[in-house]
C-alpha cells in the first residue's frame, strides 16, 4: 500500500467514548478505496505515532490525516502539527499531510442540515 488515510480523533479515557469512532472507521473502511486507519491524538490507542509506524512497516509512503474535529482549535493549530513534525523526523520515508478538519468541509454542513431537518420533522 502506498497511500493511506488516517482518521484522527481526540481521544478519551472513557472506553465508551470511542465506540462511535470505531463504528465510523469500520463503516468508512468498507466504502473507501484508500486504506483507512483510525488514530487518536491522545488518551487512547492506537496513537498517531503507532499508526504511522504500522503504515510505514506495510510500505505506505504517503498518509493524509483527516481530523474528526469541528474546527481547527489549539490542538489542530499547534499540538497535531507538532506531532506530525516529530513524526517526519522519526519516519522520513512517509509523507504526512494534515487535512482541514471535517467540520470545515461544505458536505459536513449539508449532512448536519439533513440531520436537523429529519429531527425537526419528527416533532
Protein backbone atom coordinates (compact mmCIF):
# COMPACT_ATOMS: atom_id res chain seq x y z
CA UNK A 1 0.00 0.00 0.00
CA UNK A 2 1.49 3.33 -0.95
CA UNK A 3 -1.24 5.71 0.28
CA UNK A 4 -3.47 5.65 3.35
CA UNK A 5 -6.00 7.86 5.09
CA UNK A 6 -5.89 8.31 8.86
CA UNK A 7 -8.99 9.49 10.68
CA UNK A 8 -7.72 11.38 13.71
CA UNK A 9 -9.94 11.72 16.77
CA UNK A 10 -9.08 13.47 20.02
CA UNK A 11 -9.20 10.54 22.43
CA UNK A 12 -10.71 9.98 25.87
CA UNK A 13 -10.08 7.88 28.95
CA UNK A 14 -13.72 6.76 28.80
CA UNK A 15 -13.81 3.43 26.92
CA UNK A 16 -17.44 4.03 25.85
CA UNK A 17 -16.48 7.31 24.17
CA UNK A 18 -14.58 5.61 21.40
CA UNK A 19 -17.35 3.23 20.26
CA UNK A 20 -18.89 5.66 17.73
CA UNK A 21 -15.43 6.34 16.27
CA UNK A 22 -14.69 2.63 15.93
CA UNK A 23 -18.04 2.13 14.19
CA UNK A 24 -17.46 5.12 11.91
CA UNK A 25 -14.00 3.92 10.91
CA UNK A 26 -15.23 0.39 10.25
CA UNK A 27 -18.11 1.64 8.10
CA UNK A 28 -15.92 4.05 6.14
CA UNK A 29 -13.15 1.47 5.64
CA UNK A 30 -15.65 -0.79 3.89
CA UNK A 31 -16.54 2.03 1.47
CA UNK A 32 -13.12 3.56 0.88
CA UNK A 33 -10.81 2.54 -1.96
CA UNK A 34 -7.95 4.02 0.11
CA UNK A 35 -6.78 2.01 3.13
CA UNK A 36 -8.17 3.75 6.20
CA UNK A 37 -6.98 3.76 9.81
CA UNK A 38 -8.31 5.37 12.97
CA UNK A 39 -5.84 7.02 15.36
CA UNK A 40 -6.11 9.18 18.44
CA UNK A 41 -4.28 12.37 19.30
CA UNK A 42 -4.08 11.44 22.98
CA UNK A 43 -5.57 9.32 25.78
CA UNK A 44 -6.44 6.32 23.53
CA UNK A 45 -4.75 3.71 21.41
CA UNK A 46 -3.74 3.50 18.70
CA UNK A 47 -1.82 6.74 18.83
CA UNK A 48 -0.96 8.68 15.71
CA UNK A 49 2.66 7.61 16.13
CA UNK A 50 1.78 3.90 16.42
CA UNK A 51 -0.45 4.16 13.36
CA UNK A 52 2.28 5.85 11.29
CA UNK A 53 4.80 3.21 12.43
CA UNK A 54 2.43 0.43 11.35
CA UNK A 55 1.69 2.04 7.99
CA UNK A 56 5.36 2.61 7.23
CA UNK A 57 6.14 -1.02 8.05
CA UNK A 58 3.48 -2.00 5.50
CA UNK A 59 5.12 0.07 2.78
CA UNK A 60 2.95 3.18 2.94
CA UNK A 61 4.77 6.18 1.52
CA UNK A 62 2.02 8.79 1.93
CA UNK A 63 -0.70 9.32 4.53
CA UNK A 64 -3.34 12.00 4.71
CA UNK A 65 -4.58 12.79 8.22
CA UNK A 66 -8.24 13.84 8.43
CA UNK A 67 -9.11 15.33 11.82
CA UNK A 68 -12.54 14.37 13.11
CA UNK A 69 -12.90 17.80 14.70
CA UNK A 70 -15.45 20.54 14.01
CA UNK A 71 -12.85 23.31 13.83
CA UNK A 72 -9.13 23.97 13.99
CA UNK A 73 -8.55 24.98 17.60
CA UNK A 74 -5.30 24.82 19.54
CA UNK A 75 -4.94 21.07 19.07
CA UNK A 76 -5.05 21.36 15.28
CA UNK A 77 -3.08 24.59 15.09
CA UNK A 78 -0.29 23.57 17.48
CA UNK A 79 -0.40 20.08 19.02
CA UNK A 80 -1.08 17.92 15.98
CA UNK A 81 1.32 19.84 13.68
CA UNK A 82 3.95 19.37 16.41
CA UNK A 83 3.26 15.63 16.47
CA UNK A 84 3.48 15.49 12.68
CA UNK A 85 6.76 17.41 12.67
CA UNK A 86 8.23 14.92 15.15
CA UNK A 87 6.89 12.03 13.06
CA UNK A 88 8.60 13.46 9.95
CA UNK A 89 11.91 13.18 11.80
CA UNK A 90 11.34 9.61 13.00
CA UNK A 91 9.57 8.36 9.85
CA UNK A 92 11.21 10.22 6.95
CA UNK A 93 10.01 7.72 4.33
CA UNK A 94 6.34 8.53 4.73
CA UNK A 95 4.89 11.86 3.60
CA UNK A 96 2.25 13.12 6.04
CA UNK A 97 -0.37 15.71 5.15
CA UNK A 98 -2.71 17.24 7.72
CA UNK A 99 -6.06 17.97 6.10
CA UNK A 100 -8.63 20.53 7.27
CA UNK A 101 -11.00 19.23 9.96
CA UNK A 102 -14.22 17.60 8.78
CA UNK A 103 -16.28 20.41 10.32
CA UNK A 104 -14.87 22.85 7.78
CA UNK A 105 -16.00 20.83 4.77
CA UNK A 106 -19.18 22.03 2.99
CA UNK A 107 -20.52 18.46 2.90
CA UNK A 108 -20.44 18.41 6.70
CA UNK A 109 -22.82 21.37 6.83
CA UNK A 110 -25.14 19.61 4.38
CA UNK A 111 -25.08 16.39 6.41
CA UNK A 112 -25.80 18.29 9.62
CA UNK A 113 -28.63 20.22 7.95
CA UNK A 114 -30.13 16.92 6.81
CA UNK A 115 -29.99 15.54 10.35
CA UNK A 116 -31.61 18.70 11.73
CA UNK A 117 -34.37 18.53 9.10
CA UNK A 118 -35.02 14.88 9.94
CA UNK A 119 -35.21 15.59 13.68
CA UNK A 120 -37.44 18.62 13.39
CA UNK A 121 -39.93 16.93 11.04
CA UNK A 122 -40.43 14.14 13.61
CA UNK A 123 -41.58 16.55 16.32
